[in-house]
């Protein structure tokens, strides 16, 4: 799934969250307070799920493939960790 689609789904999920909160306390509470509380509990679960879903890595993403990890001198004292050995020389 591409980043734009993930972001679109994130905003849709957050819109559902806000709509559920507003409907729970503006409309549903007039008929049933326990149902309104249940709707709020459901809406409270949506933001963490949306954040995890929006930050999920795609299989074709390569941001995690840092060339510094292949640096054999990574752990040597005094070695510049911000620049791999093959860079700049």
C-alpha atoms as a PDB file:
ATOM      1  CA  UNK A   1       0.000   0.000   0.000  1.00  0.00           C
ATOM      2  CA  UNK A   2       1.426   3.353  -0.920  1.00  0.00           C
ATOM      3  CA  UNK A   3       1.970   6.224   1.478  1.00  0.00           C
ATOM      4  CA  UNK A   4      -0.826   8.384   0.116  1.00  0.00           C
ATOM      5  CA  UNK A   5      -3.345   5.609   0.493  1.00  0.00           C
ATOM      6  CA  UNK A   6      -2.147   4.953   4.058  1.00  0.00           C
ATOM      7  CA  UNK A   7      -2.502   8.649   4.891  1.00  0.00           C
ATOM      8  CA  UNK A   8      -5.954   8.757   3.328  1.00  0.00           C
ATOM      9  CA  UNK A   9      -7.043   5.794   5.445  1.00  0.00           C
ATOM     10  CA  UNK A  10      -5.522   7.442   8.531  1.00  0.00           C
ATOM     11  CA  UNK A  11      -7.564  10.605   8.007  1.00  0.00           C
ATOM     12  CA  UNK A  12     -10.706   8.570   7.301  1.00  0.00           C
ATOM     13  CA  UNK A  13     -10.217   6.636  10.525  1.00  0.00           C
ATOM     14  CA  UNK A  14      -9.640   9.821  12.508  1.00  0.00           C
ATOM     15  CA  UNK A  15     -12.749  11.361  10.918  1.00  0.00           C
ATOM     16  CA  UNK A  16     -14.759   8.311  12.002  1.00  0.00           C
ATOM     17  CA  UNK A  17     -13.314   8.718  15.493  1.00  0.00           C
ATOM     18  CA  UNK A  18     -14.319  12.371  15.768  1.00  0.00           C
ATOM     19  CA  UNK A  19     -17.733  11.733  14.237  1.00  0.00           C
ATOM     20  CA  UNK A  20     -18.368   8.911  16.698  1.00  0.00           C
ATOM     21  CA  UNK A  21     -17.468  11.119  19.668  1.00  0.00           C
ATOM     22  CA  UNK A  22     -19.671  13.966  18.471  1.00  0.00           C
ATOM     23  CA  UNK A  23     -22.618  11.713  17.678  1.00  0.00           C
ATOM     24  CA  UNK A  24     -22.262   9.895  20.990  1.00  0.00           C
ATOM     25  CA  UNK A  25     -22.563  13.009  23.115  1.00  0.00           C
ATOM     26  CA  UNK A  26     -24.708  15.203  20.884  1.00  0.00           C
ATOM     27  CA  UNK A  27     -27.341  12.678  19.796  1.00  0.00           C
ATOM     28  CA  UNK A  28     -27.068   9.190  21.289  1.00  0.00           C
ATOM     29  CA  UNK A  29     -26.782  10.289  24.926  1.00  0.00           C
ATOM     30  CA  UNK A  30     -30.331  11.670  24.702  1.00  0.00           C
ATOM     31  CA  UNK A  31     -31.638   8.112  24.304  1.00  0.00           C
ATOM     32  CA  UNK A  32     -29.010   5.964  26.024  1.00  0.00           C
ATOM     33  CA  UNK A  33     -26.002   7.053  28.052  1.00  0.00           C
ATOM     34  CA  UNK A  34     -24.483   3.526  28.225  1.00  0.00           C
ATOM     35  CA  UNK A  35     -24.541   3.285  24.420  1.00  0.00           C
ATOM     36  CA  UNK A  36     -22.896   6.721  24.198  1.00  0.00           C
ATOM     37  CA  UNK A  37     -20.172   5.559  26.582  1.00  0.00           C
ATOM     38  CA  UNK A  38     -19.695   2.412  24.500  1.00  0.00           C
ATOM     39  CA  UNK A  39     -19.359   4.530  21.368  1.00  0.00           C
ATOM     40  CA  UNK A  40     -16.710   6.650  23.087  1.00  0.00           C
ATOM     41  CA  UNK A  41     -14.772   3.548  24.144  1.00  0.00           C
ATOM     42  CA  UNK A  42     -14.890   2.364  20.522  1.00  0.00           C
ATOM     43  CA  UNK A  43     -13.772   5.799  19.317  1.00  0.00           C
ATOM     44  CA  UNK A  44     -10.906   5.840  21.836  1.00  0.00           C
ATOM     45  CA  UNK A  45      -9.472   2.659  20.287  1.00  0.00           C
ATOM     46  CA  UNK A  46      -9.367   4.124  16.765  1.00  0.00           C
ATOM     47  CA  UNK A  47      -6.432   6.633  17.126  1.00  0.00           C
ATOM     48  CA  UNK A  48      -3.781   4.107  18.220  1.00  0.00           C
ATOM     49  CA  UNK A  49      -4.903   1.663  15.528  1.00  0.00           C
ATOM     50  CA  UNK A  50      -4.812   4.455  12.935  1.00  0.00           C
ATOM     51  CA  UNK A  51      -1.306   5.503  14.019  1.00  0.00           C
ATOM     52  CA  UNK A  52       0.025   1.948  13.783  1.00  0.00           C
ATOM     53  CA  UNK A  53      -1.624   1.476  10.410  1.00  0.00           C
ATOM     54  CA  UNK A  54      -0.316   4.795   9.035  1.00  0.00           C
ATOM     55  CA  UNK A  55       3.276   4.027  10.113  1.00  0.00           C
ATOM     56  CA  UNK A  56       3.340   0.496   8.718  1.00  0.00           C
ATOM     57  CA  UNK A  57       6.295  -0.196   6.432  1.00  0.00           C
ATOM     58  CA  UNK A  58       5.601  -1.240   2.865  1.00  0.00           C
ATOM     59  CA  UNK A  59       7.592  -4.146   1.433  1.00  0.00           C
ATOM     60  CA  UNK A  60       9.004  -1.882  -1.278  1.00  0.00           C
ATOM     61  CA  UNK A  61      10.088   0.859   1.151  1.00  0.00           C
ATOM     62  CA  UNK A  62      13.858   1.060   1.581  1.00  0.00           C
ATOM     63  CA  UNK A  63      14.122   3.693   4.315  1.00  0.00           C
ATOM     64  CA  UNK A  64      15.161   0.961   6.748  1.00  0.00           C
ATOM     65  CA  UNK A  65      18.112  -0.149   4.590  1.00  0.00           C
ATOM     66  CA  UNK A  66      20.784   2.150   5.985  1.00  0.00           C
ATOM     67  CA  UNK A  67      24.204   1.685   4.322  1.00  0.00           C
ATOM     68  CA  UNK A  68      25.923   2.464   7.640  1.00  0.00           C
ATOM     69  CA  UNK A  69      24.829  -0.932   8.952  1.00  0.00           C
ATOM     70  CA  UNK A  70      27.270  -2.580   6.549  1.00  0.00           C
ATOM     71  CA  UNK A  71      30.160  -0.520   7.936  1.00  0.00           C
ATOM     72  CA  UNK A  72      32.679  -2.975   9.491  1.00  0.00           C
ATOM     73  CA  UNK A  73      34.169  -0.264  11.740  1.00  0.00           C
ATOM     74  CA  UNK A  74      30.798   0.790  13.202  1.00  0.00           C
ATOM     75  CA  UNK A  75      31.721  -0.111  16.779  1.00  0.00           C
ATOM     76  CA  UNK A  76      35.325   1.141  16.700  1.00  0.00           C
ATOM     77  CA  UNK A  77      36.023   3.969  19.171  1.00  0.00           C
ATOM     78  CA  UNK A  78      36.403   7.340  17.469  1.00  0.00           C
ATOM     79  CA  UNK A  79      34.785   6.155  14.256  1.00  0.00           C
ATOM     80  CA  UNK A  80      32.393   8.622  12.611  1.00  0.00           C
ATOM     81  CA  UNK A  81      29.061   6.794  12.702  1.00  0.00           C
ATOM     82  CA  UNK A  82      27.336   9.415  10.575  1.00  0.00           C
ATOM     83  CA  UNK A  83      29.439   8.574   7.537  1.00  0.00           C
ATOM     84  CA  UNK A  84      30.125   5.062   6.228  1.00  0.00           C
ATOM     85  CA  UNK A  85      33.717   4.126   5.376  1.00  0.00           C
ATOM     86  CA  UNK A  86      33.108   4.250   1.641  1.00  0.00           C
ATOM     87  CA  UNK A  87      31.670   7.778   1.744  1.00  0.00           C
ATOM     88  CA  UNK A  88      33.813  10.835   1.168  1.00  0.00           C
ATOM     89  CA  UNK A  89      37.152   9.136   0.628  1.00  0.00           C
END
